[in-house]
C-alpha atoms as a PDB file:
ATOM      1  CA  MET A   1     119.780 133.706 107.788  1.00  0.00           C
ATOM      2  CA  MET A   2     121.423 136.921 108.942  1.00  0.00           C
ATOM      3  CA  CYS A   3     125.228 137.012 108.986  1.00  0.00           C
ATOM      4  CA  GLY A   4     127.100 139.838 110.642  1.00  0.00           C
ATOM      5  CA  ILE A   5     130.403 141.003 109.230  1.00  0.00           C
ATOM      6  CA  THR A   6     132.309 142.812 111.961  1.00  0.00           C
ATOM      7  CA  GLY A   7     135.852 143.929 112.677  1.00  0.00           C
ATOM      8  CA  THR A   8     138.052 146.846 113.571  1.00  0.00           C
ATOM      9  CA  PRO A   9     137.831 149.818 111.160  1.00  0.00           C
ATOM     10  CA  GLY A  10     140.099 149.134 108.192  1.00  0.00           C
ATOM     11  CA  THR A  11     139.796 145.337 108.142  1.00  0.00           C
ATOM     12  CA  GLY A  12     137.836 145.346 104.883  1.00  0.00           C
ATOM     13  CA  LYS A  13     134.186 145.112 105.968  1.00  0.00           C
ATOM     14  CA  SER A  14     132.720 147.528 103.429  1.00  0.00           C
ATOM     15  CA  MET A  15     134.889 146.328 100.550  1.00  0.00           C
ATOM     16  CA  ILE A  16     133.984 142.686 101.155  1.00  0.00           C
ATOM     17  CA  ALA A  17     130.308 143.511 101.731  1.00  0.00           C
ATOM     18  CA  ASP A  18     130.260 145.364  98.421  1.00  0.00           C
ATOM     19  CA  GLU A  19     131.709 142.262  96.755  1.00  0.00           C
ATOM     20  CA  LEU A  20     128.991 140.116  98.333  1.00  0.00           C
ATOM     21  CA  ALA A  21     126.349 142.582  97.094  1.00  0.00           C
ATOM     22  CA  ARG A  22     127.824 142.396  93.570  1.00  0.00           C
ATOM     23  CA  ARG A  23     127.301 138.633  93.824  1.00  0.00           C
ATOM     24  CA  GLY A  24     123.603 139.170  94.483  1.00  0.00           C
ATOM     25  CA  HIS A  25     123.476 138.961  98.279  1.00  0.00           C
ATOM     26  CA  THR A  26     121.409 141.366 100.363  1.00  0.00           C
ATOM     27  CA  VAL A  27     123.805 143.601 102.290  1.00  0.00           C
ATOM     28  CA  VAL A  28     122.960 146.228 104.890  1.00  0.00           C
ATOM     29  CA  HIS A  29     125.676 148.687 105.879  1.00  0.00           C
ATOM     30  CA  ILE A  30     125.263 149.681 109.514  1.00  0.00           C
ATOM     31  CA  THR A  31     126.328 153.236 108.696  1.00  0.00           C
ATOM     32  CA  ASP A  32     123.103 153.531 106.672  1.00  0.00           C
ATOM     33  CA  THR A  33     120.940 152.568 109.684  1.00  0.00           C
ATOM     34  CA  VAL A  34     122.392 154.377 112.710  1.00  0.00           C
ATOM     35  CA  GLY A  35     121.417 157.969 111.879  1.00  0.00           C
ATOM     36  CA  PRO A  36     118.396 158.135 114.224  1.00  0.00           C
ATOM     37  CA  TYR A  37     120.483 156.667 117.041  1.00  0.00           C
ATOM     38  CA  VAL A  38     123.352 159.186 117.000  1.00  0.00           C
ATOM     39  CA  ASP A  39     123.428 160.989 120.347  1.00  0.00           C
ATOM     40  CA  GLY A  40     126.362 163.302 119.548  1.00  0.00           C
ATOM     41  CA  ASP A  41     130.079 163.332 118.896  1.00  0.00           C
ATOM     42  CA  ASP A  42     133.002 162.300 121.068  1.00  0.00           C
ATOM     43  CA  GLU A  43     135.572 164.754 119.710  1.00  0.00           C
ATOM     44  CA  LYS A  44     138.372 163.385 121.868  1.00  0.00           C
ATOM     45  CA  ARG A  45     138.002 159.876 120.366  1.00  0.00           C
ATOM     46  CA  ASP A  46     136.870 161.204 116.947  1.00  0.00           C
ATOM     47  CA  VAL A  47     133.710 159.067 116.870  1.00  0.00           C
ATOM     48  CA  GLN A  48     129.953 159.482 116.884  1.00  0.00           C
ATOM     49  CA  VAL A  49     128.168 158.458 120.076  1.00  0.00           C
ATOM     50  CA  ILE A  50     125.465 155.965 119.117  1.00  0.00           C
ATOM     51  CA  ASP A  51     122.754 154.443 121.300  1.00  0.00           C
ATOM     52  CA  VAL A  52     123.815 150.954 120.272  1.00  0.00           C
ATOM     53  CA  ASP A  53     121.408 149.189 122.625  1.00  0.00           C
ATOM     54  CA  ARG A  54     118.376 150.983 121.182  1.00  0.00           C
ATOM     55  CA  TRP A  55     119.690 150.514 117.634  1.00  0.00           C
ATOM     56  CA  ALA A  56     120.161 146.757 118.155  1.00  0.00           C
ATOM     57  CA  ALA A  57     116.747 146.398 119.798  1.00  0.00           C
ATOM     58  CA  GLU A  58     114.993 148.162 116.901  1.00  0.00           C
ATOM     59  CA  PHE A  59     117.036 146.668 114.051  1.00  0.00           C
ATOM     60  CA  VAL A  60     114.871 144.706 111.616  1.00  0.00           C
ATOM     61  CA  PRO A  61     116.664 141.449 110.751  1.00  0.00           C
ATOM     62  CA  VAL A  62     117.503 140.757 107.105  1.00  0.00           C
ATOM     63  CA  ASP A  63     118.085 137.611 105.113  1.00  0.00           C
ATOM     64  CA  GLY A  64     121.637 138.400 104.105  1.00  0.00           C
ATOM     65  CA  PHE A  65     124.616 140.260 105.499  1.00  0.00           C
ATOM     66  CA  VAL A  66     124.894 143.144 107.945  1.00  0.00           C
ATOM     67  CA  GLU A  67     128.231 144.939 107.797  1.00  0.00           C
ATOM     68  CA  GLY A  68     129.736 147.217 110.393  1.00  0.00           C
ATOM     69  CA  HIS A  69     132.083 147.300 113.347  1.00  0.00           C
ATOM     70  CA  PHE A  70     129.299 146.452 115.800  1.00  0.00           C
ATOM     71  CA  ALA A  71     127.283 144.007 113.647  1.00  0.00           C
ATOM     72  CA  HIS A  72     128.155 141.367 116.234  1.00  0.00           C
ATOM     73  CA  LEU A  73     125.765 143.098 118.671  1.00  0.00           C
ATOM     74  CA  LEU A  74     122.798 142.025 116.534  1.00  0.00           C
ATOM     75  CA  PRO A  75     121.054 138.646 116.876  1.00  0.00           C
ATOM     76  CA  CYS A  76     122.930 137.183 113.923  1.00  0.00           C
ATOM     77  CA  ASP A  77     122.743 133.524 112.941  1.00  0.00           C
ATOM     78  CA  ARG A  78     126.416 133.648 111.943  1.00  0.00           C
ATOM     79  CA  VAL A  79     129.168 136.206 112.506  1.00  0.00           C
ATOM     80  CA  VAL A  80     132.367 136.732 110.530  1.00  0.00           C
ATOM     81  CA  VAL A  81     135.071 138.661 112.364  1.00  0.00           C
ATOM     82  CA  LEU A  82     137.484 140.247 109.904  1.00  0.00           C
ATOM     83  CA  ARG A  83     141.046 140.651 111.114  1.00  0.00           C
ATOM     84  CA  CYS A  84     144.059 142.479 109.695  1.00  0.00           C
ATOM     85  CA  ARG A  85     147.654 142.488 110.897  1.00  0.00           C
ATOM     86  CA  PRO A  86     148.072 145.731 112.885  1.00  0.00           C
ATOM     87  CA  ASP A  87     150.935 147.118 110.774  1.00  0.00           C
ATOM     88  CA  GLU A  88     148.836 146.689 107.613  1.00  0.00           C
ATOM     89  CA  LEU A  89     145.806 148.102 109.409  1.00  0.00           C
ATOM     90  CA  LYS A  90     147.802 151.223 110.322  1.00  0.00           C
ATOM     91  CA  ALA A  91     148.788 151.684 106.673  1.00  0.00           C
ATOM     92  CA  ARG A  92     145.172 151.291 105.506  1.00  0.00           C
ATOM     93  CA  LEU A  93     143.921 153.828 108.044  1.00  0.00           C
ATOM     94  CA  ALA A  94     146.723 156.271 107.203  1.00  0.00           C
ATOM     95  CA  ARG A  95     145.640 156.117 103.540  1.00  0.00           C
ATOM     96  CA  ARG A  96     142.151 157.079 104.729  1.00  0.00           C
ATOM     97  CA  LYS A  97     143.671 160.117 106.485  1.00  0.00           C
ATOM     98  CA  TYR A  98     142.772 158.935 109.996  1.00  0.00           C
ATOM     99  CA  ARG A  99     144.361 160.932 112.825  1.00  0.00           C
ATOM    100  CA  GLU A 100     147.463 159.332 114.345  1.00  0.00           C
ATOM    101  CA  ALA A 101     145.749 158.813 117.732  1.00  0.00           C
ATOM    102  CA  LYS A 102     142.817 157.048 116.019  1.00  0.00           C
ATOM    103  CA  ILE A 103     145.185 154.855 114.026  1.00  0.00           C
ATOM    104  CA  ARG A 104     146.958 153.809 117.244  1.00  0.00           C
ATOM    105  CA  GLU A 105     143.654 153.170 119.019  1.00  0.00           C
ATOM    106  CA  ASN A 106     142.366 150.927 116.235  1.00  0.00           C
ATOM    107  CA  ALA A 107     145.666 149.056 115.785  1.00  0.00           C
ATOM    108  CA  GLU A 108     145.738 148.373 119.528  1.00  0.00           C
ATOM    109  CA  ALA A 109     142.110 147.172 119.502  1.00  0.00           C
ATOM    110  CA  GLU A 110     143.005 144.817 116.659  1.00  0.00           C
ATOM    111  CA  ALA A 111     146.101 143.494 118.450  1.00  0.00           C
ATOM    112  CA  LEU A 112     143.994 142.887 121.569  1.00  0.00           C
ATOM    113  CA  ASP A 113     141.266 140.975 119.672  1.00  0.00           C
ATOM    114  CA  SER A 114     138.603 143.453 120.828  1.00  0.00           C
ATOM    115  CA  CYS A 115     135.954 142.685 118.175  1.00  0.00           C
ATOM    116  CA  LEU A 116     136.552 138.939 118.446  1.00  0.00           C
ATOM    117  CA  ILE A 117     136.208 138.997 122.247  1.00  0.00           C
ATOM    118  CA  GLU A 118     132.959 140.968 122.041  1.00  0.00           C
ATOM    119  CA  THR A 119     131.659 138.552 119.409  1.00  0.00           C
ATOM    120  CA  VAL A 120     132.500 135.479 121.500  1.00  0.00           C
ATOM    121  CA  GLU A 121     130.707 137.091 124.467  1.00  0.00           C
ATOM    122  CA  GLU A 122     127.542 137.556 122.349  1.00  0.00           C
ATOM    123  CA  HIS A 123     127.382 134.463 120.130  1.00  0.00           C
ATOM    124  CA  ASP A 124     127.617 130.696 120.156  1.00  0.00           C
ATOM    125  CA  PRO A 125     131.198 129.721 119.204  1.00  0.00           C
ATOM    126  CA  SER A 126     129.844 127.386 116.524  1.00  0.00           C
ATOM    127  CA  HIS A 127     128.490 130.453 114.692  1.00  0.00           C
ATOM    128  CA  ILE A 128     131.741 132.463 114.536  1.00  0.00           C
ATOM    129  CA  PHE A 129     134.311 132.553 111.742  1.00  0.00           C
ATOM    130  CA  GLU A 130     137.491 134.629 111.987  1.00  0.00           C
ATOM    131  CA  LEU A 131     139.034 135.692 108.679  1.00  0.00           C
ATOM    132  CA  ASP A 132     142.452 137.289 108.199  1.00  0.00           C
ATOM    133  CA  THR A 133     142.170 139.875 105.398  1.00  0.00           C
ATOM    134  CA  THR A 134     145.862 140.832 105.451  1.00  0.00           C
ATOM    135  CA  GLY A 135     147.115 140.790 101.859  1.00  0.00           C
ATOM    136  CA  ARG A 136     143.866 139.266 100.590  1.00  0.00           C
ATOM    137  CA  ASP A 137     141.447 140.744  98.106  1.00  0.00           C
ATOM    138  CA  ALA A 138     137.668 141.092  98.400  1.00  0.00           C
ATOM    139  CA  PRO A 139     136.828 138.155  96.075  1.00  0.00           C
ATOM    140  CA  TYR A 140     138.947 135.739  98.131  1.00  0.00           C
ATOM    141  CA  CYS A 141     137.380 136.932 101.395  1.00  0.00           C
ATOM    142  CA  ALA A 142     133.854 136.856  99.940  1.00  0.00           C
ATOM    143  CA  ASP A 143     134.474 133.271  98.766  1.00  0.00           C
ATOM    144  CA  ARG A 144     135.469 132.235 102.285  1.00  0.00           C
ATOM    145  CA  ILE A 145     132.433 133.954 103.803  1.00  0.00           C
ATOM    146  CA  GLU A 146     130.104 132.268 101.325  1.00  0.00           C
ATOM    147  CA  GLN A 147     131.713 128.922 102.146  1.00  0.00           C
ATOM    148  CA  PHE A 148     131.210 129.519 105.880  1.00  0.00           C
ATOM    149  CA  THR A 149     127.599 130.670 105.581  1.00  0.00           C
ATOM    150  CA  GLY A 150     126.887 127.819 103.158  1.00  0.00           C
ATOM    151  CA  GLY A 151     128.179 125.249 105.621  1.00  0.00           C
ATOM    152  CA  GLU A 152     131.135 124.225 103.457  1.00  0.00           C
ATOM    153  CA  ILE A 153     133.708 125.249 106.073  1.00  0.00           C
ATOM    154  CA  PRO A 154     133.233 125.132 109.839  1.00  0.00           C
ATOM    155  CA  ALA A 155     133.275 127.861 112.429  1.00  0.00           C
ATOM    156  CA  ASP A 156     136.834 128.767 113.314  1.00  0.00           C
ATOM    157  CA  PHE A 157     138.385 131.429 115.489  1.00  0.00           C
ATOM    158  CA  GLY A 158     141.070 132.056 118.073  1.00  0.00           C
ATOM    159  CA  HIS A 159     144.058 131.213 115.878  1.00  0.00           C
ATOM    160  CA  ILE A 160     145.268 134.768 115.188  1.00  0.00           C
ATOM    161  CA  ASP A 161     147.728 136.251 117.667  1.00  0.00           C
ATOM    162  CA  TRP A 162     148.930 139.791 117.134  1.00  0.00           C
ATOM    163  CA  THR A 163     149.942 140.561 120.706  1.00  0.00           C
ATOM    164  CA  SER A 164     153.504 141.167 119.467  1.00  0.00           C
ATOM    165  CA  PHE A 165     152.140 144.327 117.807  1.00  0.00           C
ATOM    166  CA  ILE A 166     151.036 145.858 121.110  1.00  0.00           C
ATOM    167  CA  GLU A 167     153.027 149.004 121.738  1.00  0.00           C
ATOM    168  CA  VAL A 168     154.224 149.396 125.296  1.00  0.00           C
ATOM    169  CA  GLY A 169     154.811 152.825 126.777  1.00  0.00           C
END
């Protein structure tokens, strides 16, 4: 079974995936697989331009976890969408020295449920689990993910509302 772990940058994907790997799970970090699919840089948005369609079409499925902010574009059996309250997300990204414009862009994407919406458009709702990582450590989050993928807790999403964090103007 392949489980995608997706979410806005800063929600904890890599940290939680590393915890799952420490527990003996196979984990693939998308950043380790996209190199051949990079078509250039979008300097204005401060991102690499990746041929995501070609990458997804050529990705070799794994029995384990695939972590990255577009893991939900793969044919995963289950998908976990990590969420983080936008004010906390801003603080996390600031600690990583993200540019202010990139911090705003990611916080807005989080407040608008962007990754969740894309995931729901791609996957059966019974295969999606939304997990709030705000104030939670990697072991707690990894426990919840293991419970979901092990069938101990059901699919669950759509209960987080951060629209009050959307900045107008």
